[in-house]
Amino acid sequence: MMTKKNEPNLFPSEQIRELIIYGREGCHLCQDMMLALQHLQQQVSFDFKVVDIDSDPELVKRYGERVPVLMSPFTNQEICHYFLDLAALDDYLGKFR
């Protein structure tokens, strides 16, 4: 189904601005990314939740040692991993402004 250009944006902004950090307990890079995102929330409107990959064998298999990973559950897009990439996050959020 093709959308018409004059149709309003059909994406609920709440879903677009919800992010997931895949990480694990005791991961200093995960903590760093969470703190950076919390700081950024003072300037940009978004929410995030943290998922401990060690709670799901499939997530462990998928991410292994490559954590933290910042993902959009809405588009299933990886935004960045290891460190918060502000440009990549801005690019992602900017697509839906």
PDB file of N, CA and C in Angstrom:
ATOM      1  N   MET A   1       0.831  -1.177   0.000  1.00  0.00           N
ATOM      2  CA  MET A   1       0.000   0.000   0.000  1.00  0.00           C
ATOM      3  C   MET A   1       0.877   1.244   0.000  1.00  0.00           C
ATOM      4  N   MET A   2       0.655   2.115  -0.909  1.00  0.00           N
ATOM      5  CA  MET A   2       1.430   3.354  -0.985  1.00  0.00           C
ATOM      6  C   MET A   2       0.688   4.446  -0.236  1.00  0.00           C
ATOM      7  N   THR A   3       1.461   5.306   0.401  1.00  0.00           N
ATOM      8  CA  THR A   3       0.830   6.420   1.100  1.00  0.00           C
ATOM      9  C   THR A   3       0.923   7.660   0.235  1.00  0.00           C
ATOM     10  N   LYS A   4      -0.050   8.504   0.391  1.00  0.00           N
ATOM     11  CA  LYS A   4      -0.061   9.764  -0.353  1.00  0.00           C
ATOM     12  C   LYS A   4       0.768  10.789   0.407  1.00  0.00           C
ATOM     13  N   LYS A   5       1.389  11.679  -0.341  1.00  0.00           N
ATOM     14  CA  LYS A   5       2.255  12.667   0.301  1.00  0.00           C
ATOM     15  C   LYS A   5       1.497  13.594   1.235  1.00  0.00           C
ATOM     16  N   ASN A   6       0.230  13.832   0.953  1.00  0.00           N
ATOM     17  CA  ASN A   6      -0.499  14.775   1.793  1.00  0.00           C
ATOM     18  C   ASN A   6      -1.146  14.116   3.006  1.00  0.00           C
ATOM     19  N   GLU A   7      -0.934  12.800   3.200  1.00  0.00           N
ATOM     20  CA  GLU A   7      -1.467  12.148   4.386  1.00  0.00           C
ATOM     21  C   GLU A   7      -0.664  12.586   5.607  1.00  0.00           C
ATOM     22  N   PRO A   8      -1.329  12.735   6.727  1.00  0.00           N
ATOM     23  CA  PRO A   8      -0.576  13.106   7.938  1.00  0.00           C
ATOM     24  C   PRO A   8       0.351  11.977   8.351  1.00  0.00           C
ATOM     25  N   ASN A   9       1.334  12.337   9.149  1.00  0.00           N
ATOM     26  CA  ASN A   9       2.262  11.333   9.669  1.00  0.00           C
ATOM     27  C   ASN A   9       1.465  10.339  10.506  1.00  0.00           C
ATOM     28  N   LEU A  10       1.490   9.071  10.125  1.00  0.00           N
ATOM     29  CA  LEU A  10       0.675   8.064  10.787  1.00  0.00           C
ATOM     30  C   LEU A  10       1.410   7.379  11.937  1.00  0.00           C
ATOM     31  N   PHE A  11       2.622   7.807  12.227  1.00  0.00           N
ATOM     32  CA  PHE A  11       3.401   7.194  13.298  1.00  0.00           C
ATOM     33  C   PHE A  11       3.109   7.891  14.611  1.00  0.00           C
ATOM     34  N   PRO A  12       2.634   7.167  15.603  1.00  0.00           N
ATOM     35  CA  PRO A  12       2.463   7.794  16.922  1.00  0.00           C
ATOM     36  C   PRO A  12       3.819   8.214  17.469  1.00  0.00           C
ATOM     37  N   SER A  13       3.970   9.477  17.787  1.00  0.00           N
ATOM     38  CA  SER A  13       5.283   9.984  18.202  1.00  0.00           C
ATOM     39  C   SER A  13       5.778   9.311  19.471  1.00  0.00           C
ATOM     40  N   GLU A  14       4.846   8.816  20.310  1.00  0.00           N
ATOM     41  CA  GLU A  14       5.278   8.143  21.529  1.00  0.00           C
ATOM     42  C   GLU A  14       6.076   6.882  21.186  1.00  0.00           C
ATOM     43  N   GLN A  15       5.608   6.131  20.185  1.00  0.00           N
ATOM     44  CA  GLN A  15       6.302   4.903  19.795  1.00  0.00           C
ATOM     45  C   GLN A  15       7.664   5.217  19.180  1.00  0.00           C
ATOM     46  N   ILE A  16       7.731   6.245  18.385  1.00  0.00           N
ATOM     47  CA  ILE A  16       8.969   6.606  17.705  1.00  0.00           C
ATOM     48  C   ILE A  16      10.031   7.008  18.714  1.00  0.00           C
ATOM     49  N   ARG A  17       9.619   7.664  19.764  1.00  0.00           N
ATOM     50  CA  ARG A  17      10.566   8.213  20.737  1.00  0.00           C
ATOM     51  C   ARG A  17      10.838   7.273  21.903  1.00  0.00           C
ATOM     52  N   GLU A  18      10.432   6.017  21.768  1.00  0.00           N
ATOM     53  CA  GLU A  18      10.783   5.010  22.770  1.00  0.00           C
ATOM     54  C   GLU A  18      11.972   4.214  22.250  1.00  0.00           C
ATOM     55  N   LEU A  19      13.015   4.155  23.036  1.00  0.00           N
ATOM     56  CA  LEU A  19      14.239   3.472  22.639  1.00  0.00           C
ATOM     57  C   LEU A  19      14.541   2.357  23.628  1.00  0.00           C
ATOM     58  N   ILE A  20      15.352   1.422  23.189  1.00  0.00           N
ATOM     59  CA  ILE A  20      15.779   0.319  24.051  1.00  0.00           C
ATOM     60  C   ILE A  20      17.301   0.270  24.074  1.00  0.00           C
ATOM     61  N   ILE A  21      17.844   0.110  25.269  1.00  0.00           N
ATOM     62  CA  ILE A  21      19.268  -0.194  25.414  1.00  0.00           C
ATOM     63  C   ILE A  21      19.362  -1.668  25.764  1.00  0.00           C
ATOM     64  N   TYR A  22      20.011  -2.435  24.907  1.00  0.00           N
ATOM     65  CA  TYR A  22      20.325  -3.820  25.240  1.00  0.00           C
ATOM     66  C   TYR A  22      21.681  -3.806  25.920  1.00  0.00           C
ATOM     67  N   GLY A  23      21.729  -4.277  27.154  1.00  0.00           N
ATOM     68  CA  GLY A  23      22.968  -4.260  27.925  1.00  0.00           C
ATOM     69  C   GLY A  23      22.986  -5.385  28.935  1.00  0.00           C
ATOM     70  N   ARG A  24      23.844  -5.225  29.935  1.00  0.00           N
ATOM     71  CA  ARG A  24      23.915  -6.234  30.998  1.00  0.00           C
ATOM     72  C   ARG A  24      24.396  -5.589  32.281  1.00  0.00           C
ATOM     73  N   GLU A  25      24.114  -6.287  33.373  1.00  0.00           N
ATOM     74  CA  GLU A  25      24.542  -5.830  34.692  1.00  0.00           C
ATOM     75  C   GLU A  25      26.065  -5.733  34.735  1.00  0.00           C
ATOM     76  N   GLY A  26      26.570  -4.726  35.433  1.00  0.00           N
ATOM     77  CA  GLY A  26      28.005  -4.596  35.623  1.00  0.00           C
ATOM     78  C   GLY A  26      28.761  -4.099  34.400  1.00  0.00           C
ATOM     79  N   CYS A  27      28.058  -3.627  33.408  1.00  0.00           N
ATOM     80  CA  CYS A  27      28.697  -3.137  32.171  1.00  0.00           C
ATOM     81  C   CYS A  27      28.888  -1.625  32.290  1.00  0.00           C
ATOM     82  N   HIS A  28      30.145  -1.181  32.371  1.00  0.00           N
ATOM     83  CA  HIS A  28      30.381   0.258  32.543  1.00  0.00           C
ATOM     84  C   HIS A  28      29.989   1.048  31.299  1.00  0.00           C
ATOM     85  N   LEU A  29      30.121   0.476  30.115  1.00  0.00           N
ATOM     86  CA  LEU A  29      29.693   1.177  28.905  1.00  0.00           C
ATOM     87  C   LEU A  29      28.171   1.341  28.890  1.00  0.00           C
ATOM     88  N   CYS A  30      27.471   0.337  29.398  1.00  0.00           N
ATOM     89  CA  CYS A  30      26.008   0.419  29.490  1.00  0.00           C
ATOM     90  C   CYS A  30      25.612   1.555  30.433  1.00  0.00           C
ATOM     91  N   GLN A  31      26.277   1.624  31.576  1.00  0.00           N
ATOM     92  CA  GLN A  31      26.005   2.694  32.534  1.00  0.00           C
ATOM     93  C   GLN A  31      26.288   4.061  31.914  1.00  0.00           C
ATOM     94  N   ASP A  32      27.402   4.153  31.185  1.00  0.00           N
ATOM     95  CA  ASP A  32      27.758   5.420  30.533  1.00  0.00           C
ATOM     96  C   ASP A  32      26.685   5.855  29.543  1.00  0.00           C
ATOM     97  N   MET A  33      26.171   4.885  28.739  1.00  0.00           N
ATOM     98  CA  MET A  33      25.148   5.232  27.754  1.00  0.00           C
ATOM     99  C   MET A  33      23.852   5.658  28.451  1.00  0.00           C
ATOM    100  N   MET A  34      23.478   4.966  29.518  1.00  0.00           N
ATOM    101  CA  MET A  34      22.262   5.337  30.254  1.00  0.00           C
ATOM    102  C   MET A  34      22.386   6.753  30.822  1.00  0.00           C
ATOM    103  N   LEU A  35      23.526   7.058  31.417  1.00  0.00           N
ATOM    104  CA  LEU A  35      23.730   8.405  31.978  1.00  0.00           C
ATOM    105  C   LEU A  35      23.697   9.467  30.887  1.00  0.00           C
ATOM    106  N   ALA A  36      24.321   9.186  29.751  1.00  0.00           N
ATOM    107  CA  ALA A  36      24.329  10.143  28.638  1.00  0.00           C
ATOM    108  C   ALA A  36      22.910  10.375  28.120  1.00  0.00           C
ATOM    109  N   LEU A  37      22.112   9.303  28.024  1.00  0.00           N
ATOM    110  CA  LEU A  37      20.733   9.448  27.563  1.00  0.00           C
ATOM    111  C   LEU A  37      19.891  10.210  28.585  1.00  0.00           C
ATOM    112  N   GLN A  38      20.103   9.937  29.871  1.00  0.00           N
ATOM    113  CA  GLN A  38      19.370  10.667  30.904  1.00  0.00           C
ATOM    114  C   GLN A  38      19.690  12.155  30.840  1.00  0.00           C
ATOM    115  N   HIS A  39      20.938  12.477  30.621  1.00  0.00           N
ATOM    116  CA  HIS A  39      21.346  13.881  30.501  1.00  0.00           C
ATOM    117  C   HIS A  39      20.693  14.518  29.266  1.00  0.00           C
ATOM    118  N   LEU A  40      20.673  13.781  28.171  1.00  0.00           N
ATOM    119  CA  LEU A  40      20.105  14.289  26.921  1.00  0.00           C
ATOM    120  C   LEU A  40      18.594  14.494  27.032  1.00  0.00           C
ATOM    121  N   GLN A  41      17.930  13.719  27.883  1.00  0.00           N
ATOM    122  CA  GLN A  41      16.481  13.854  28.045  1.00  0.00           C
ATOM    123  C   GLN A  41      16.083  15.232  28.578  1.00  0.00           C
ATOM    124  N   GLN A  42      17.021  15.963  29.147  1.00  0.00           N
ATOM    125  CA  GLN A  42      16.733  17.323  29.608  1.00  0.00           C
ATOM    126  C   GLN A  42      16.542  18.267  28.427  1.00  0.00           C
ATOM    127  N   GLN A  43      17.060  17.875  27.249  1.00  0.00           N
ATOM    128  CA  GLN A  43      16.986  18.734  26.070  1.00  0.00           C
ATOM    129  C   GLN A  43      16.074  18.178  24.974  1.00  0.00           C
ATOM    130  N   VAL A  44      15.936  16.857  24.900  1.00  0.00           N
ATOM    131  CA  VAL A  44      15.193  16.200  23.824  1.00  0.00           C
ATOM    132  C   VAL A  44      14.166  15.259  24.445  1.00  0.00           C
ATOM    133  N   SER A  45      12.979  15.237  23.864  1.00  0.00           N
ATOM    134  CA  SER A  45      11.913  14.395  24.393  1.00  0.00           C
ATOM    135  C   SER A  45      11.990  12.978  23.819  1.00  0.00           C
ATOM    136  N   PHE A  46      12.328  12.018  24.671  1.00  0.00           N
ATOM    137  CA  PHE A  46      12.307  10.602  24.319  1.00  0.00           C
ATOM    138  C   PHE A  46      12.344   9.799  25.608  1.00  0.00           C
ATOM    139  N   ASP A  47      11.980   8.533  25.501  1.00  0.00           N
ATOM    140  CA  ASP A  47      12.051   7.619  26.635  1.00  0.00           C
ATOM    141  C   ASP A  47      12.928   6.443  26.238  1.00  0.00           C
ATOM    142  N   PHE A  48      13.470   5.779  27.233  1.00  0.00           N
ATOM    143  CA  PHE A  48      14.214   4.560  26.935  1.00  0.00           C
ATOM    144  C   PHE A  48      14.045   3.576  28.076  1.00  0.00           C
ATOM    145  N   LYS A  49      14.178   2.320  27.725  1.00  0.00           N
ATOM    146  CA  LYS A  49      14.195   1.285  28.744  1.00  0.00           C
ATOM    147  C   LYS A  49      15.428   0.434  28.513  1.00  0.00           C
ATOM    148  N   VAL A  50      15.852  -0.223  29.572  1.00  0.00           N
ATOM    149  CA  VAL A  50      17.043  -1.060  29.515  1.00  0.00           C
ATOM    150  C   VAL A  50      16.599  -2.521  29.594  1.00  0.00           C
ATOM    151  N   VAL A  51      17.112  -3.324  28.672  1.00  0.00           N
ATOM    152  CA  VAL A  51      16.833  -4.756  28.662  1.00  0.00           C
ATOM    153  C   VAL A  51      18.144  -5.484  28.923  1.00  0.00           C
ATOM    154  N   ASP A  52      18.155  -6.296  29.988  1.00  0.00           N
ATOM    155  CA  ASP A  52      19.336  -7.090  30.327  1.00  0.00           C
ATOM    156  C   ASP A  52      19.376  -8.294  29.390  1.00  0.00           C
ATOM    157  N   ILE A  53      20.353  -8.342  28.513  1.00  0.00           N
ATOM    158  CA  ILE A  53      20.401  -9.426  27.534  1.00  0.00           C
ATOM    159  C   ILE A  53      20.606 -10.784  28.191  1.00  0.00           C
ATOM    160  N   ASP A  54      21.201 -10.789  29.389  1.00  0.00           N
ATOM    161  CA  ASP A  54      21.451 -12.062  30.068  1.00  0.00           C
ATOM    162  C   ASP A  54      20.154 -12.734  30.537  1.00  0.00           C
ATOM    163  N   SER A  55      19.022 -12.030  30.441  1.00  0.00           N
ATOM    164  CA  SER A  55      17.736 -12.612  30.820  1.00  0.00           C
ATOM    165  C   SER A  55      17.109 -13.409  29.674  1.00  0.00           C
ATOM    166  N   ASP A  56      17.740 -13.376  28.480  1.00  0.00           N
ATOM    167  CA  ASP A  56      17.164 -14.042  27.311  1.00  0.00           C
ATOM    168  C   ASP A  56      18.289 -14.636  26.467  1.00  0.00           C
ATOM    169  N   PRO A  57      18.351 -15.965  26.360  1.00  0.00           N
ATOM    170  CA  PRO A  57      19.429 -16.606  25.582  1.00  0.00           C
ATOM    171  C   PRO A  57      19.511 -16.124  24.129  1.00  0.00           C
ATOM    172  N   GLU A  58      18.361 -15.784  23.533  1.00  0.00           N
ATOM    173  CA  GLU A  58      18.374 -15.277  22.155  1.00  0.00           C
ATOM    174  C   GLU A  58      19.095 -13.931  22.075  1.00  0.00           C
ATOM    175  N   LEU A  59      18.867 -13.077  23.074  1.00  0.00           N
ATOM    176  CA  LEU A  59      19.551 -11.776  23.085  1.00  0.00           C
ATOM    177  C   LEU A  59      21.040 -11.949  23.322  1.00  0.00           C
ATOM    178  N   VAL A  60      21.415 -12.891  24.175  1.00  0.00           N
ATOM    179  CA  VAL A  60      22.836 -13.172  24.398  1.00  0.00           C
ATOM    180  C   VAL A  60      23.478 -13.629  23.093  1.00  0.00           C
ATOM    181  N   LYS A  61      22.782 -14.498  22.380  1.00  0.00           N
ATOM    182  CA  LYS A  61      23.308 -14.986  21.106  1.00  0.00           C
ATOM    183  C   LYS A  61      23.435 -13.843  20.088  1.00  0.00           C
ATOM    184  N   ARG A  62      22.442 -12.958  20.075  1.00  0.00           N
ATOM    185  CA  ARG A  62      22.427 -11.856  19.109  1.00  0.00           C
ATOM    186  C   ARG A  62      23.492 -10.799  19.413  1.00  0.00           C
ATOM    187  N   TYR A  63      23.639 -10.426  20.695  1.00  0.00           N
ATOM    188  CA  TYR A  63      24.509  -9.301  21.028  1.00  0.00           C
ATOM    189  C   TYR A  63      25.826  -9.709  21.678  1.00  0.00           C
ATOM    190  N   GLY A  64      25.859 -10.807  22.400  1.00  0.00           N
ATOM    191  CA  GLY A  64      27.093 -11.268  23.023  1.00  0.00           C
ATOM    192  C   GLY A  64      27.776 -10.173  23.812  1.00  0.00           C
ATOM    193  N   GLU A  65      29.014  -9.876  23.416  1.00  0.00           N
ATOM    194  CA  GLU A  65      29.793  -8.836  24.104  1.00  0.00           C
ATOM    195  C   GLU A  65      29.592  -7.456  23.487  1.00  0.00           C
ATOM    196  N   ARG A  66      28.789  -7.360  22.431  1.00  0.00           N
ATOM    197  CA  ARG A  66      28.593  -6.082  21.733  1.00  0.00           C
ATOM    198  C   ARG A  66      27.458  -5.297  22.390  1.00  0.00           C
ATOM    199  N   VAL A  67      27.709  -4.876  23.629  1.00  0.00           N
ATOM    200  CA  VAL A  67      26.726  -4.081  24.362  1.00  0.00           C
ATOM    201  C   VAL A  67      27.415  -2.844  24.927  1.00  0.00           C
ATOM    202  N   PRO A  68      26.710  -1.790  25.153  1.00  0.00           N
ATOM    203  CA  PRO A  68      25.288  -1.621  24.941  1.00  0.00           C
ATOM    204  C   PRO A  68      24.960  -1.370  23.468  1.00  0.00           C
ATOM    205  N   VAL A  69      23.721  -1.692  23.119  1.00  0.00           N
ATOM    206  CA  VAL A  69      23.200  -1.412  21.785  1.00  0.00           C
ATOM    207  C   VAL A  69      21.937  -0.587  21.966  1.00  0.00           C
ATOM    208  N   LEU A  70      21.892   0.577  21.329  1.00  0.00           N
ATOM    209  CA  LEU A  70      20.711   1.434  21.372  1.00  0.00           C
ATOM    210  C   LEU A  70      19.880   1.141  20.135  1.00  0.00           C
ATOM    211  N   MET A  71      18.630   0.717  20.374  1.00  0.00           N
ATOM    212  CA  MET A  71      17.754   0.293  19.285  1.00  0.00           C
ATOM    213  C   MET A  71      16.448   1.075  19.314  1.00  0.00           C
ATOM    214  N   SER A  72      15.852   1.174  18.134  1.00  0.00           N
ATOM    215  CA  SER A  72      14.480   1.646  18.021  1.00  0.00           C
ATOM    216  C   SER A  72      13.589   0.428  17.889  1.00  0.00           C
ATOM    217  N   PRO A  73      12.710   0.176  18.866  1.00  0.00           N
ATOM    218  CA  PRO A  73      11.791  -0.949  18.713  1.00  0.00           C
ATOM    219  C   PRO A  73      10.748  -0.681  17.631  1.00  0.00           C
ATOM    220  N   PHE A  74      10.539   0.583  17.303  1.00  0.00           N
ATOM    221  CA  PHE A  74       9.537   0.958  16.305  1.00  0.00           C
ATOM    222  C   PHE A  74       9.981   0.556  14.900  1.00  0.00           C
ATOM    223  N   THR A  75      11.257   0.840  14.577  1.00  0.00           N
ATOM    224  CA  THR A  75      11.770   0.522  13.234  1.00  0.00           C
ATOM    225  C   THR A  75      12.691  -0.683  13.249  1.00  0.00           C
ATOM    226  N   ASN A  76      12.990  -1.199  14.440  1.00  0.00           N
ATOM    227  CA  ASN A  76      13.951  -2.293  14.605  1.00  0.00           C
ATOM    228  C   ASN A  76      15.332  -1.913  14.063  1.00  0.00           C
ATOM    229  N   GLN A  77      15.656  -0.642  14.178  1.00  0.00           N
ATOM    230  CA  GLN A  77      16.918  -0.093  13.676  1.00  0.00           C
ATOM    231  C   GLN A  77      17.916   0.057  14.814  1.00  0.00           C
ATOM    232  N   GLU A  78      19.140  -0.419  14.581  1.00  0.00           N
ATOM    233  CA  GLU A  78      20.204  -0.141  15.540  1.00  0.00           C
ATOM    234  C   GLU A  78      20.672   1.287  15.316  1.00  0.00           C
ATOM    235  N   ILE A  79      20.655   2.066  16.368  1.00  0.00           N
ATOM    236  CA  ILE A  79      21.073   3.460  16.271  1.00  0.00           C
ATOM    237  C   ILE A  79      22.568   3.581  16.523  1.00  0.00           C
ATOM    238  N   CYS A  80      23.068   2.891  17.540  1.00  0.00           N
ATOM    239  CA  CYS A  80      24.494   2.882  17.823  1.00  0.00           C
ATOM    240  C   CYS A  80      24.797   1.773  18.820  1.00  0.00           C
ATOM    241  N   HIS A  81      26.076   1.492  19.011  1.00  0.00           N
ATOM    242  CA  HIS A  81      26.478   0.524  20.026  1.00  0.00           C
ATOM    243  C   HIS A  81      27.795   0.970  20.661  1.00  0.00           C
ATOM    244  N   TYR A  82      28.081   0.407  21.825  1.00  0.00           N
ATOM    245  CA  TYR A  82      29.220   0.740  22.684  1.00  0.00           C
ATOM    246  C   TYR A  82      29.119   2.141  23.293  1.00  0.00           C
ATOM    247  N   PHE A  83      29.009   3.158  22.459  1.00  0.00           N
ATOM    248  CA  PHE A  83      28.964   4.543  22.941  1.00  0.00           C
ATOM    249  C   PHE A  83      27.787   5.257  22.298  1.00  0.00           C
ATOM    250  N   LEU A  84      27.213   6.238  23.007  1.00  0.00           N
ATOM    251  CA  LEU A  84      26.115   7.011  22.455  1.00  0.00           C
ATOM    252  C   LEU A  84      26.639   7.869  21.309  1.00  0.00           C
ATOM    253  N   ASP A  85      26.085   7.654  20.141  1.00  0.00           N
ATOM    254  CA  ASP A  85      26.418   8.440  18.951  1.00  0.00           C
ATOM    255  C   ASP A  85      25.322   9.490  18.794  1.00  0.00           C
ATOM    256  N   LEU A  86      25.617  10.705  19.254  1.00  0.00           N
ATOM    257  CA  LEU A  86      24.614  11.767  19.236  1.00  0.00           C
ATOM    258  C   LEU A  86      24.133  12.086  17.829  1.00  0.00           C
ATOM    259  N   ALA A  87      25.032  12.059  16.857  1.00  0.00           N
ATOM    260  CA  ALA A  87      24.646  12.348  15.469  1.00  0.00           C
ATOM    261  C   ALA A  87      23.685  11.286  14.949  1.00  0.00           C
ATOM    262  N   ALA A  88      23.960  10.017  15.246  1.00  0.00           N
ATOM    263  CA  ALA A  88      23.084   8.934  14.788  1.00  0.00           C
ATOM    264  C   ALA A  88      21.714   9.020  15.464  1.00  0.00           C
ATOM    265  N   LEU A  89      21.686   9.346  16.753  1.00  0.00           N
ATOM    266  CA  LEU A  89      20.417   9.488  17.457  1.00  0.00           C
ATOM    267  C   LEU A  89      19.632  10.670  16.903  1.00  0.00           C
ATOM    268  N   ASP A  90      20.308  11.775  16.652  1.00  0.00           N
ATOM    269  CA  ASP A  90      19.662  12.953  16.075  1.00  0.00           C
ATOM    270  C   ASP A  90      19.106  12.640  14.685  1.00  0.00           C
ATOM    271  N   ASP A  91      19.880  11.909  13.883  1.00  0.00           N
ATOM    272  CA  ASP A  91      19.407  11.505  12.552  1.00  0.00           C
ATOM    273  C   ASP A  91      18.148  10.664  12.663  1.00  0.00           C
ATOM    274  N   TYR A  92      18.160   9.702  13.592  1.00  0.00           N
ATOM    275  CA  TYR A  92      16.985   8.844  13.765  1.00  0.00           C
ATOM    276  C   TYR A  92      15.766   9.660  14.173  1.00  0.00           C
ATOM    277  N   LEU A  93      15.900  10.458  15.234  1.00  0.00           N
ATOM    278  CA  LEU A  93      14.756  11.244  15.713  1.00  0.00           C
ATOM    279  C   LEU A  93      14.321  12.287  14.695  1.00  0.00           C
ATOM    280  N   GLY A  94      15.271  12.810  13.915  1.00  0.00           N
ATOM    281  CA  GLY A  94      14.967  13.816  12.913  1.00  0.00           C
ATOM    282  C   GLY A  94      14.117  13.310  11.763  1.00  0.00           C
ATOM    283  N   LYS A  95      14.129  12.025  11.518  1.00  0.00           N
ATOM    284  CA  LYS A  95      13.328  11.437  10.435  1.00  0.00           C
ATOM    285  C   LYS A  95      11.836  11.577  10.706  1.00  0.00           C
ATOM    286  N   PHE A  96      11.482  11.771  11.972  1.00  0.00           N
ATOM    287  CA  PHE A  96      10.068  11.758  12.349  1.00  0.00           C
ATOM    288  C   PHE A  96       9.573  13.106  12.858  1.00  0.00           C
ATOM    289  N   ARG A  97      10.356  14.139  12.666  1.00  0.00           N
ATOM    290  CA  ARG A  97       9.934  15.467  13.149  1.00  0.00           C
ATOM    291  C   ARG A  97       8.880  16.047  12.244  1.00  0.00           C
TER     292      ARG A  97
END
